[in-house]
């Protein structure tokens, strides 16, 4: 057995142990973690690769070396498939379709590597034997053949898998899961170192042993260490859960003792909520009635407002007409005053004319007296003429003429006296009629003055009534605005009341449900107390 196969055997043993450990964890855990199973299968694939590496280290012929080379490449294909499976389970966010593609490709590549004899996987006619001298006088010879194009593609696809793992690590790092991303970065770094070394050895750049199995060991140790930290964290969580479970058991005893009291309080709350729900319904009905009443009141206020506005308008028109009528009456009163004054002046003139007629009457009396005297004088003249005889015939004629003149004057004076008497009678009647008319005019003036004073009072009252109606109209408009605001507020109150009613109904339903839940909680508390011991035993078994 070659000395270099001993470290690989140790690596194989470690890898097998890790595989069996995680497989056992996956089987024993009640809550399955898929990364335990996929990591166990990956470690088993690495264990097989290490076994085939031991065979290659102890090989001494090209024919046997091709066999071990086929097995190694087929196992590497399985490692690529299982590693893709593991990183998807480990990160919990990979693309399962891409994982399935890698799995199918690597399985087909493994079968092709085992059974292909066409030269696509192996160029059997081109040996690639490598003799590697080692320190301490040791050496190793790799009996290999040149890989074909399919084998090269398998290597390239393996690189793609690790690039995909690096991408998932970056995604974890960006999600602030740095502790979970670091093992992936280290795994990619180990693989990159081993890949560069083996590619250089394969191409003959320098002479060295293959290191890929050692880099795989680094990957296994790194991932096992991180997963073991998860196990330790689970144990700590188990201890915390155990403490919480103990507290839960203690709480269950307390809960069992107080559930009846809570149930009684819940029944009381249920009754109170039922009464509150009934009162809320009654209050909501009152609010609805109030809202309808306020709506009717607002409609009446609108009608009264319209009537008040119309009344104010009518009052304004009436006041305007009364003002016009009073103005006309004032003009009539002024004309009546003028006519009264004219009638008074005419009465004064008639009184003066009556005085003048009396003077004329006195003059006529004087003329009549003169005529009587002339007549007497003419008689005396005639007597004297007759005494004188025929000597004074001319004087007789004059005396006759004078007597005739006196007679005519007396006759005309009598006619004038009759006319003046008639005229005086007419003046007396006119004066009496004018005195009566003037009295009536004075009474009419007094009555008119009282009427004008009354009309002024009516005008003043009308103006006051107009102002009062204007104030009433303004107040009614304000009242309408307030009523509209009250209607809006009552609408809001009605809406809030509806919401409160629905809330009270939900609370009432929730209270009844809580009462039923408290009854169930009492039963569950008893069941929890009975199952506490059995639950602790089950948790211990699950952690193991």
Protein backbone atom coordinates (compact mmCIF):
# COMPACT_ATOMS: atom_id res chain seq x y z
CA UNK A 1 0.00 0.00 0.00
CA UNK A 2 1.38 3.35 -1.07
CA UNK A 3 2.17 5.82 1.69
CA UNK A 4 0.07 8.60 0.06
CA UNK A 5 -3.03 6.48 0.31
CA UNK A 6 -2.95 6.66 4.12
CA UNK A 7 -3.98 10.37 4.34
CA UNK A 8 -6.65 9.75 1.74
CA UNK A 9 -7.94 6.81 3.81
CA UNK A 10 -8.12 9.08 6.85
CA UNK A 11 -9.99 11.65 4.75
CA UNK A 12 -12.35 8.91 3.57
CA UNK A 13 -12.99 7.86 7.17
CA UNK A 14 -13.72 11.42 8.27
CA UNK A 15 -16.00 11.96 5.30
CA UNK A 16 -17.89 8.71 5.96
CA UNK A 17 -18.34 9.65 9.62
CA UNK A 18 -19.72 13.05 8.71
CA UNK A 19 -22.07 11.46 6.14
CA UNK A 20 -23.43 8.89 8.61
CA UNK A 21 -23.74 11.52 11.36
CA UNK A 22 -25.89 13.83 9.26
CA UNK A 23 -27.91 10.95 7.85
CA UNK A 24 -28.61 9.83 11.43
CA UNK A 25 -29.63 13.41 12.35
CA UNK A 26 -31.98 13.54 9.39
CA UNK A 27 -33.61 10.23 10.36
CA UNK A 28 -33.94 11.01 14.10
CA UNK A 29 -35.25 14.53 13.84
CA UNK A 30 -39.00 14.91 13.91
CA UNK A 31 -38.69 18.19 11.97
CA UNK A 32 -36.70 17.18 8.92
CA UNK A 33 -34.01 19.49 7.58
CA UNK A 34 -33.32 18.76 3.89
CA UNK A 35 -29.75 20.09 4.05
CA UNK A 36 -28.84 17.22 6.46
CA UNK A 37 -29.88 14.62 3.88
CA UNK A 38 -28.29 16.34 0.88
CA UNK A 39 -25.04 16.96 2.82
CA UNK A 40 -24.97 13.32 3.89
CA UNK A 41 -25.35 12.21 0.25
CA UNK A 42 -22.63 14.67 -0.81
CA UNK A 43 -20.26 13.27 1.83
CA UNK A 44 -21.00 9.73 0.68
CA UNK A 45 -20.10 10.78 -2.88
CA UNK A 46 -16.85 12.30 -1.56
CA UNK A 47 -16.19 9.10 0.42
CA UNK A 48 -16.50 7.06 -2.80
CA UNK A 49 -14.14 9.44 -4.58
CA UNK A 50 -11.58 9.04 -1.78
CA UNK A 51 -11.85 5.23 -2.06
CA UNK A 52 -11.19 5.43 -5.78
CA UNK A 53 -8.25 7.76 -5.11
CA UNK A 54 -6.76 5.08 -2.79
CA UNK A 55 -7.10 2.59 -5.63
CA UNK A 56 -5.38 5.03 -8.03
CA UNK A 57 -2.49 5.56 -5.57
CA UNK A 58 -1.92 1.80 -5.37
CA UNK A 59 -2.22 1.16 -9.13
CA UNK A 60 0.71 -0.18 -11.18
CA UNK A 61 -0.67 -0.51 -14.74
CA UNK A 62 -2.27 1.69 -17.35
CA UNK A 63 -5.26 -0.65 -17.82
CA UNK A 64 -6.12 -0.62 -14.12
CA UNK A 65 -5.39 3.09 -13.95
CA UNK A 66 -8.04 3.71 -16.67
CA UNK A 67 -10.55 1.81 -14.52
CA UNK A 68 -9.82 3.95 -11.46
CA UNK A 69 -9.81 7.04 -13.64
CA UNK A 70 -13.29 6.19 -14.96
CA UNK A 71 -14.55 5.63 -11.42
CA UNK A 72 -13.06 8.93 -10.22
CA UNK A 73 -14.64 10.98 -13.02
CA UNK A 74 -18.02 9.25 -12.55
CA UNK A 75 -17.82 10.01 -8.82
CA UNK A 76 -16.86 13.60 -9.56
CA UNK A 77 -20.05 13.82 -11.64
CA UNK A 78 -22.03 12.55 -8.66
CA UNK A 79 -20.25 15.10 -6.46
CA UNK A 80 -21.33 17.88 -8.86
CA UNK A 81 -24.96 16.68 -8.80
CA UNK A 82 -25.10 16.25 -4.99
CA UNK A 83 -23.29 19.55 -4.36
CA UNK A 84 -25.83 21.41 -6.51
CA UNK A 85 -28.61 19.68 -4.56
CA UNK A 86 -26.98 20.59 -1.23
CA UNK A 87 -26.40 24.30 -1.94
CA UNK A 88 -30.05 24.74 -3.01
CA UNK A 89 -31.26 23.14 0.25
CA UNK A 90 -28.63 24.98 2.29
CA UNK A 91 -29.46 28.46 0.98
CA UNK A 92 -33.20 27.85 0.70
CA UNK A 93 -33.39 30.16 -2.31
CA UNK A 94 -31.80 28.38 -5.24
CA UNK A 95 -33.34 27.57 -8.57
CA UNK A 96 -34.68 24.03 -8.39
CA UNK A 97 -34.94 23.75 -12.16
CA UNK A 98 -31.23 24.54 -12.49
CA UNK A 99 -30.49 22.03 -9.72
CA UNK A 100 -32.44 19.33 -11.59
CA UNK A 101 -30.59 20.22 -14.80
CA UNK A 102 -27.20 19.78 -13.07
CA UNK A 103 -28.34 16.49 -11.54
CA UNK A 104 -29.53 15.03 -14.85
CA UNK A 105 -26.44 16.24 -16.70
CA UNK A 106 -23.98 14.83 -14.14
CA UNK A 107 -25.79 11.48 -13.90
CA UNK A 108 -25.62 11.10 -17.67
CA UNK A 109 -21.97 12.20 -17.61
CA UNK A 110 -21.21 9.60 -14.90
CA UNK A 111 -22.75 6.82 -17.00
CA UNK A 112 -20.87 8.02 -20.05
CA UNK A 113 -17.59 8.14 -18.13
CA UNK A 114 -18.07 4.54 -16.95
CA UNK A 115 -19.18 2.90 -20.13
CA UNK A 116 -18.09 5.08 -23.08
CA UNK A 117 -15.46 3.49 -25.33
CA UNK A 118 -15.87 5.77 -28.34
CA UNK A 119 -13.14 8.23 -27.40
CA UNK A 120 -15.54 11.02 -26.37
CA UNK A 121 -14.71 10.50 -22.71
CA UNK A 122 -11.25 8.82 -22.89
CA UNK A 123 -8.56 8.74 -25.52
CA UNK A 124 -7.22 5.32 -24.64
CA UNK A 125 -4.64 5.50 -27.36
CA UNK A 126 -2.98 8.49 -25.66
CA UNK A 127 -1.47 7.46 -22.33
CA UNK A 128 -0.71 10.28 -19.83
CA UNK A 129 1.54 8.55 -17.26
CA UNK A 130 2.98 10.99 -14.70
CA UNK A 131 5.86 10.18 -12.36
CA UNK A 132 5.96 12.61 -9.45
CA UNK A 133 9.02 12.66 -7.17
CA UNK A 134 8.26 13.55 -3.54
CA UNK A 135 10.34 14.68 -0.59
CA UNK A 136 11.99 12.13 1.72
CA UNK A 137 12.83 9.88 -1.22
CA UNK A 138 9.21 9.14 -2.04
CA UNK A 139 7.52 9.17 -5.40
CA UNK A 140 4.17 8.40 -7.05
CA UNK A 141 3.23 7.35 -10.58
CA UNK A 142 -0.22 8.18 -12.01
CA UNK A 143 -1.20 5.70 -14.68
CA UNK A 144 -3.74 7.71 -16.73
CA UNK A 145 -4.99 8.26 -20.24
CA UNK A 146 -5.80 11.59 -21.90
CA UNK A 147 -9.38 12.75 -21.10
CA UNK A 148 -11.83 13.20 -23.98
CA UNK A 149 -14.07 16.16 -24.72
CA UNK A 150 -16.94 14.86 -22.52
CA UNK A 151 -14.66 14.54 -19.52
CA UNK A 152 -13.44 18.09 -20.10
CA UNK A 153 -17.07 19.26 -20.24
CA UNK A 154 -17.72 17.52 -16.91
CA UNK A 155 -14.87 19.53 -15.39
CA UNK A 156 -16.21 22.75 -16.88
CA UNK A 157 -19.71 21.97 -15.59
CA UNK A 158 -18.24 21.35 -12.14
CA UNK A 159 -16.71 24.82 -12.32
CA UNK A 160 -20.18 26.18 -13.25
CA UNK A 161 -21.67 24.51 -10.14
CA UNK A 162 -19.16 26.20 -7.87
CA UNK A 163 -19.72 29.53 -9.62
CA UNK A 164 -23.44 29.06 -8.94
CA UNK A 165 -22.58 28.34 -5.28
CA UNK A 166 -20.56 31.57 -5.16
CA UNK A 167 -23.54 33.49 -6.58
CA UNK A 168 -25.88 32.06 -3.95
CA UNK A 169 -23.34 33.02 -1.30
CA UNK A 170 -23.41 36.61 -2.54
CA UNK A 171 -27.21 36.55 -2.35
CA UNK A 172 -27.04 35.36 1.27
CA UNK A 173 -24.48 38.05 2.05
CA UNK A 174 -26.74 40.75 0.64
CA UNK A 175 -29.62 39.42 2.73
CA UNK A 176 -27.41 40.06 5.77
CA UNK A 177 -26.88 36.30 6.35
CA UNK A 178 -23.12 36.65 6.42
CA UNK A 179 -22.51 33.72 8.77
CA UNK A 180 -24.33 31.39 6.40
CA UNK A 181 -22.58 32.81 3.31
CA UNK A 182 -18.98 32.41 4.56
CA UNK A 183 -18.86 28.54 4.31
CA UNK A 184 -19.91 28.80 0.67
CA UNK A 185 -17.16 31.34 -0.04
CA UNK A 186 -14.55 29.12 1.68
CA UNK A 187 -15.79 26.07 -0.21
CA UNK A 188 -15.44 27.89 -3.54
CA UNK A 189 -11.95 29.07 -2.51
CA UNK A 190 -10.84 25.51 -1.56
CA UNK A 191 -12.22 24.13 -4.80
CA UNK A 192 -10.53 26.86 -6.84
CA UNK A 193 -7.13 26.09 -5.28
CA UNK A 194 -7.51 22.35 -5.85
CA UNK A 195 -8.80 22.86 -9.39
CA UNK A 196 -5.90 25.14 -10.36
CA UNK A 197 -3.35 22.68 -8.95
CA UNK A 198 -4.90 19.61 -10.62
CA UNK A 199 -5.32 21.41 -13.95
CA UNK A 200 -1.65 22.44 -13.86
CA UNK A 201 -0.56 18.88 -12.97
CA UNK A 202 -2.86 17.44 -15.66
CA UNK A 203 -1.44 19.75 -18.33
CA UNK A 204 2.16 19.16 -17.17
CA UNK A 205 2.97 22.70 -16.08
CA UNK A 206 4.69 21.34 -12.98
CA UNK A 207 4.98 18.07 -11.13
CA UNK A 208 2.91 17.63 -8.00
CA UNK A 209 0.29 15.31 -6.55
CA UNK A 210 -3.42 15.90 -7.08
CA UNK A 211 -4.96 17.95 -4.25
CA UNK A 212 -8.68 17.87 -5.08
CA UNK A 213 -9.44 15.22 -2.42
CA UNK A 214 -7.77 17.45 0.19
CA UNK A 215 -9.78 20.48 -0.92
CA UNK A 216 -12.89 18.33 -0.67
CA UNK A 217 -11.91 17.54 2.90
CA UNK A 218 -11.66 21.28 3.57
CA UNK A 219 -15.17 21.72 2.14
CA UNK A 220 -16.53 18.87 4.28
CA UNK A 221 -14.86 20.17 7.46
CA UNK A 222 -16.01 23.73 6.79
CA UNK A 223 -19.63 22.77 6.13
CA UNK A 224 -19.68 20.21 8.97
CA UNK A 225 -18.33 22.87 11.35
CA UNK A 226 -21.04 25.33 10.37
CA UNK A 227 -23.78 22.70 10.54
CA UNK A 228 -22.46 21.60 13.95
CA UNK A 229 -22.80 25.20 15.08
CA UNK A 230 -26.40 24.98 13.97
CA UNK A 231 -26.76 21.83 16.08
CA UNK A 232 -25.25 23.62 19.09
CA UNK A 233 -27.60 26.51 18.48
CA UNK A 234 -30.46 24.01 18.33
CA UNK A 235 -29.31 22.54 21.66
CA UNK A 236 -29.28 25.99 23.19
CA UNK A 237 -32.70 26.60 21.78
CA UNK A 238 -33.77 23.25 23.24
CA UNK A 239 -32.59 24.37 26.66
CA UNK A 240 -34.47 27.65 26.25
CA UNK A 241 -37.52 25.75 25.05
CA UNK A 242 -37.18 23.43 28.07
CA UNK A 243 -37.20 26.42 30.41
CA UNK A 244 -40.11 27.93 28.54
CA UNK A 245 -41.86 24.57 28.70
CA UNK A 246 -41.38 24.40 32.46
CA UNK A 247 -42.83 27.87 32.73
CA UNK A 248 -45.64 26.74 30.46
CA UNK A 249 -46.40 23.82 32.76
CA UNK A 250 -46.43 26.12 35.76
CA UNK A 251 -48.59 28.56 33.86
CA UNK A 252 -50.93 25.74 32.88
CA UNK A 253 -51.54 24.96 36.55
CA UNK A 254 -52.24 28.60 37.24
CA UNK A 255 -54.36 28.83 34.14
CA UNK A 256 -56.35 25.78 35.16
CA UNK A 257 -57.04 27.35 38.56
CA UNK A 258 -58.02 30.76 37.21
CA UNK A 259 -59.94 29.65 34.10
CA UNK A 260 -63.19 29.29 36.06
CA UNK A 261 -62.81 32.76 37.50
CA UNK A 262 -62.05 34.14 34.03
CA UNK A 263 -65.05 32.24 32.69
CA UNK A 264 -67.26 33.88 35.32
CA UNK A 265 -65.87 37.32 34.48
CA UNK A 266 -66.36 36.57 30.79
CA UNK A 267 -70.00 35.69 31.41
CA UNK A 268 -70.44 38.99 33.25
CA UNK A 269 -68.79 40.83 30.36
CA UNK A 270 -71.00 38.94 27.95
CA UNK A 271 -74.14 40.04 29.80
CA UNK A 272 -72.88 43.63 29.99
CA UNK A 273 -72.05 43.63 26.30
CA UNK A 274 -75.50 42.24 25.50
CA UNK A 275 -77.12 45.04 27.50
CA UNK A 276 -74.80 47.58 25.89
CA UNK A 277 -75.71 46.21 22.46
CA UNK A 278 -79.42 46.56 23.26
CA UNK A 279 -78.92 50.12 24.55
CA UNK A 280 -76.84 50.94 21.49
CA UNK A 281 -79.65 49.71 19.25
CA UNK A 282 -82.18 51.84 21.17
CA UNK A 283 -79.86 54.86 21.06
CA UNK A 284 -79.30 54.37 17.35
CA UNK A 285 -83.09 54.31 16.80
CA UNK A 286 -83.47 57.55 18.80
CA UNK A 287 -80.73 59.17 16.77
CA UNK A 288 -82.45 58.09 13.56
CA UNK A 289 -85.75 59.60 14.76
CA UNK A 290 -83.96 62.80 15.80
CA UNK A 291 -82.30 62.99 12.41
CA UNK A 292 -85.66 62.61 10.66
CA UNK A 293 -87.23 65.23 12.97
CA UNK A 294 -84.42 67.69 12.31
CA UNK A 295 -84.77 67.07 8.58
CA UNK A 296 -88.53 67.87 8.81
CA UNK A 297 -87.76 70.94 10.96
CA UNK A 298 -85.24 72.12 8.41
CA UNK A 299 -87.83 71.72 5.64
CA UNK A 300 -90.33 73.80 7.68
CA UNK A 301 -87.65 76.41 8.38
CA UNK A 302 -86.99 76.59 4.64
CA UNK A 303 -90.73 77.17 4.03
CA UNK A 304 -90.94 79.79 6.82
CA UNK A 305 -87.85 81.48 5.43
CA UNK A 306 -89.47 81.74 2.02
CA UNK A 307 -92.70 83.10 3.57
CA UNK A 308 -90.76 85.59 5.70
CA UNK A 309 -88.86 86.81 2.67
CA UNK A 310 -92.11 87.18 0.76
CA UNK A 311 -93.69 89.00 3.78
CA UNK A 312 -90.73 91.34 4.00
CA UNK A 313 -91.03 92.06 0.30
CA UNK A 314 -94.80 92.68 0.60
CA UNK A 315 -94.23 94.92 3.64
CA UNK A 316 -91.66 96.92 1.73
CA UNK A 317 -94.13 97.37 -1.15
CA UNK A 318 -96.92 98.33 1.33
CA UNK A 319 -94.68 100.83 3.10
CA UNK A 320 -93.71 102.28 -0.25
CA UNK A 321 -97.37 102.64 -1.26
CA UNK A 322 -98.33 104.12 2.14
CA UNK A 323 -95.47 106.60 1.80
CA UNK A 324 -96.71 107.59 -1.64
CA UNK A 325 -100.29 107.90 -0.32
CA UNK A 326 -99.17 110.02 2.65
CA UNK A 327 -97.20 112.21 0.30
CA UNK A 328 -100.35 112.64 -1.86
CA UNK A 329 -102.43 113.29 1.23
CA UNK A 330 -99.93 115.88 2.41
CA UNK A 331 -100.22 117.60 -0.93
CA UNK A 332 -104.04 117.46 -0.62
CA UNK A 333 -103.76 118.79 2.95
CA UNK A 334 -101.62 121.63 1.71
CA UNK A 335 -104.13 122.44 -1.05
CA UNK A 336 -106.95 122.26 1.51
CA UNK A 337 -105.03 124.64 3.75
CA UNK A 338 -104.64 126.96 0.76
CA UNK A 339 -108.38 126.66 -0.04
CA UNK A 340 -109.21 127.26 3.65
CA UNK A 341 -107.05 130.36 3.61
CA UNK A 342 -108.67 131.54 0.37
CA UNK A 343 -112.13 130.93 1.86
CA UNK A 344 -111.15 132.89 4.95
CA UNK A 345 -109.90 135.73 2.78
CA UNK A 346 -113.16 135.68 0.76
CA UNK A 347 -115.17 135.68 4.01
CA UNK A 348 -113.19 138.69 5.12
CA UNK A 349 -113.84 140.38 1.77
CA UNK A 350 -117.55 139.59 2.04
CA UNK A 351 -117.55 141.02 5.55
CA UNK A 352 -115.87 144.16 4.19
CA UNK A 353 -118.30 144.23 1.26
CA UNK A 354 -121.18 143.94 3.77
CA UNK A 355 -119.77 146.97 5.58
CA UNK A 356 -119.55 148.87 2.30
CA UNK A 357 -123.14 147.91 1.47
CA UNK A 358 -124.21 149.34 4.80
CA UNK A 359 -122.42 152.57 3.94
CA UNK A 360 -124.16 152.59 0.54
CA UNK A 361 -127.42 152.05 2.34
CA UNK A 362 -126.66 155.06 4.52
CA UNK A 363 -125.80 157.13 1.43
CA UNK A 364 -129.03 156.04 -0.21
CA UNK A 365 -130.88 157.13 2.89
CA UNK A 366 -129.14 160.44 2.68
CA UNK A 367 -130.01 160.74 -1.01
CA UNK A 368 -133.60 159.82 -0.23
CA UNK A 369 -133.66 162.47 2.44
CA UNK A 370 -132.22 164.97 -0.04
CA UNK A 371 -134.83 163.93 -2.60
CA UNK A 372 -137.58 164.42 0.01
CA UNK A 373 -136.24 167.81 0.87
CA UNK A 374 -135.93 168.74 -2.80
CA UNK A 375 -139.51 167.63 -3.28
CA UNK A 376 -140.60 169.76 -0.35
CA UNK A 377 -138.54 172.57 -1.70
CA UNK A 378 -140.15 172.17 -5.14
CA UNK A 379 -143.56 172.30 -3.51
CA UNK A 380 -142.60 175.42 -1.73
CA UNK A 381 -141.33 176.84 -4.97
CA UNK A 382 -144.55 175.91 -6.72
CA UNK A 383 -146.51 177.50 -3.95
CA UNK A 384 -144.48 180.59 -4.15
CA UNK A 385 -144.79 180.63 -7.94
CA UNK A 386 -148.51 180.29 -7.77
CA UNK A 387 -148.58 183.15 -5.37
CA UNK A 388 -146.61 185.24 -7.74
CA UNK A 389 -148.94 184.49 -10.55
CA UNK A 390 -148.02 184.33 -14.11
CA UNK A 391 -145.01 186.57 -13.65
CA UNK A 392 -142.71 183.71 -12.63
CA UNK A 393 -143.81 180.95 -15.10
CA UNK A 394 -140.25 179.95 -15.79
CA UNK A 395 -139.59 179.50 -12.14
CA UNK A 396 -142.67 177.28 -12.04
CA UNK A 397 -141.23 175.19 -14.77
CA UNK A 398 -137.99 174.89 -12.88
CA UNK A 399 -139.88 173.97 -9.79
CA UNK A 400 -141.77 171.31 -11.68
CA UNK A 401 -138.55 169.94 -13.11
CA UNK A 402 -136.96 169.89 -9.71
CA UNK A 403 -140.02 168.17 -8.32
CA UNK A 404 -139.89 165.70 -11.21
CA UNK A 405 -136.16 165.18 -10.62
CA UNK A 406 -136.77 164.62 -6.95
CA UNK A 407 -139.53 162.22 -7.80
CA UNK A 408 -137.31 160.30 -10.23
CA UNK A 409 -134.43 160.39 -7.79
CA UNK A 410 -136.65 159.02 -5.08
CA UNK A 411 -137.93 156.34 -7.44
CA UNK A 412 -134.44 155.32 -8.48
CA UNK A 413 -133.27 155.49 -4.91
CA UNK A 414 -136.05 153.14 -3.93
CA UNK A 415 -135.03 150.75 -6.70
CA UNK A 416 -131.38 150.96 -5.64
CA UNK A 417 -132.46 150.45 -2.04
CA UNK A 418 -134.43 147.36 -3.08
CA UNK A 419 -131.42 146.06 -5.01
CA UNK A 420 -129.06 146.81 -2.17
CA UNK A 421 -131.51 145.19 0.24
CA UNK A 422 -131.61 142.11 -1.97
CA UNK A 423 -127.86 142.24 -2.35
CA UNK A 424 -127.46 142.51 1.41
CA UNK A 425 -129.74 139.54 1.84
CA UNK A 426 -127.58 137.62 -0.64
CA UNK A 427 -124.46 138.75 1.19
CA UNK A 428 -125.93 137.56 4.46
CA UNK A 429 -126.75 134.19 2.95
CA UNK A 430 -123.28 133.94 1.34
CA UNK A 431 -121.66 135.00 4.58
CA UNK A 432 -123.68 132.44 6.48
CA UNK A 433 -122.83 129.74 3.91
CA UNK A 434 -119.19 130.75 3.88
CA UNK A 435 -119.12 130.80 7.69
CA UNK A 436 -120.59 127.32 7.71
CA UNK A 437 -118.18 126.23 4.92
CA UNK A 438 -115.25 127.77 6.77
CA UNK A 439 -116.28 125.92 9.91
CA UNK A 440 -116.55 122.70 7.96
CA UNK A 441 -113.18 123.43 6.36
CA UNK A 442 -111.69 124.02 9.81
CA UNK A 443 -113.24 120.79 11.11
CA UNK A 444 -112.03 118.99 7.96
CA UNK A 445 -108.60 120.49 8.51
CA UNK A 446 -108.56 119.28 12.11
CA UNK A 447 -109.76 115.85 10.97
CA UNK A 448 -107.21 115.84 8.16
CA UNK A 449 -104.48 116.82 10.62
CA UNK A 450 -105.49 113.95 12.87
CA UNK A 451 -105.60 111.65 9.79
CA UNK A 452 -102.15 112.83 8.77
CA UNK A 453 -100.85 112.21 12.28
CA UNK A 454 -102.46 108.75 12.20
CA UNK A 455 -100.97 108.04 8.81
CA UNK A 456 -97.57 109.13 10.09
CA UNK A 457 -98.01 106.77 13.02
CA UNK A 458 -99.05 104.00 10.57
CA UNK A 459 -96.01 104.78 8.43
CA UNK A 460 -93.77 104.65 11.48
CA UNK A 461 -95.35 101.35 12.59
CA UNK A 462 -95.02 100.02 9.05
CA UNK A 463 -91.35 100.95 8.97
CA UNK A 464 -90.85 99.33 12.36
CA UNK A 465 -92.73 96.24 11.16
CA UNK A 466 -90.59 96.18 8.04
CA UNK A 467 -87.43 96.32 10.14
CA UNK A 468 -88.80 93.65 12.46
CA UNK A 469 -89.66 91.39 9.53
CA UNK A 470 -86.20 92.02 8.12
CA UNK A 471 -84.65 90.98 11.43
CA UNK A 472 -86.93 87.94 11.57
CA UNK A 473 -85.92 87.03 8.01
CA UNK A 474 -82.23 87.39 8.94
CA UNK A 475 -82.74 85.32 12.08
CA UNK A 476 -84.60 82.68 10.07
CA UNK A 477 -81.76 82.56 7.53
CA UNK A 478 -79.28 82.15 10.39
CA UNK A 479 -81.55 79.50 11.90
CA UNK A 480 -81.67 77.72 8.55
CA UNK A 481 -77.86 77.74 8.36
CA UNK A 482 -77.63 76.44 11.93
CA UNK A 483 -80.27 73.81 11.15
CA UNK A 484 -78.33 72.69 8.08
CA UNK A 485 -75.20 72.42 10.22
CA UNK A 486 -77.16 70.50 12.87
CA UNK A 487 -78.53 68.22 10.16
CA UNK A 488 -75.00 67.59 8.90
CA UNK A 489 -73.77 66.90 12.42
CA UNK A 490 -76.74 64.64 13.08
CA UNK A 491 -75.95 62.80 9.86
CA UNK A 492 -72.41 62.33 11.13
CA UNK A 493 -73.73 61.24 14.53
CA UNK A 494 -76.10 58.82 12.81
CA UNK A 495 -73.23 57.40 10.76
CA UNK A 496 -71.06 57.09 13.89
CA UNK A 497 -74.00 55.50 15.69
CA UNK A 498 -74.34 52.98 12.87
CA UNK A 499 -70.62 52.23 13.14
CA UNK A 500 -70.91 51.95 16.93
CA UNK A 501 -73.83 49.60 16.48
CA UNK A 502 -71.84 47.41 14.11
CA UNK A 503 -68.83 47.57 16.45
CA UNK A 504 -71.02 46.68 19.43
CA UNK A 505 -72.47 43.79 17.44
CA UNK A 506 -68.98 42.55 16.58
CA UNK A 507 -67.83 43.01 20.18
CA UNK A 508 -70.92 41.18 21.39
CA UNK A 509 -70.21 38.34 18.99
CA UNK A 510 -66.53 38.36 19.96
CA UNK A 511 -67.44 38.31 23.65
CA UNK A 512 -69.67 35.29 23.15
CA UNK A 513 -66.88 33.63 21.17
CA UNK A 514 -64.40 34.55 23.92
CA UNK A 515 -66.72 33.00 26.50
CA UNK A 516 -66.82 29.80 24.48
CA UNK A 517 -63.04 29.97 24.03
CA UNK A 518 -62.54 30.36 27.77
CA UNK A 519 -64.52 27.20 28.31
CA UNK A 520 -62.33 25.45 25.77
CA UNK A 521 -59.27 27.02 27.43
CA UNK A 522 -60.26 25.49 30.74
CA UNK A 523 -60.38 22.08 29.11
CA UNK A 524 -57.09 22.70 27.29
CA UNK A 525 -55.40 23.79 30.55
CA UNK A 526 -56.26 20.47 32.12
CA UNK A 527 -55.07 18.61 29.03
CA UNK A 528 -51.86 20.69 28.96
CA UNK A 529 -51.12 19.86 32.60
CA UNK A 530 -51.64 16.14 31.91
CA UNK A 531 -49.44 16.12 28.79
CA UNK A 532 -46.55 18.17 30.27
CA UNK A 533 -44.45 15.20 31.36
CA UNK A 534 -45.02 13.30 28.12
CA UNK A 535 -44.09 16.43 26.14
CA UNK A 536 -40.72 16.78 27.92
CA UNK A 537 -39.87 13.18 27.09
CA UNK A 538 -40.77 13.72 23.44
CA UNK A 539 -38.57 16.84 23.24
CA UNK A 540 -35.61 14.95 24.68
CA UNK A 541 -36.04 12.20 22.12
CA UNK A 542 -36.28 14.71 19.29
CA UNK A 543 -33.07 16.52 20.34
CA UNK A 544 -31.21 13.22 20.55
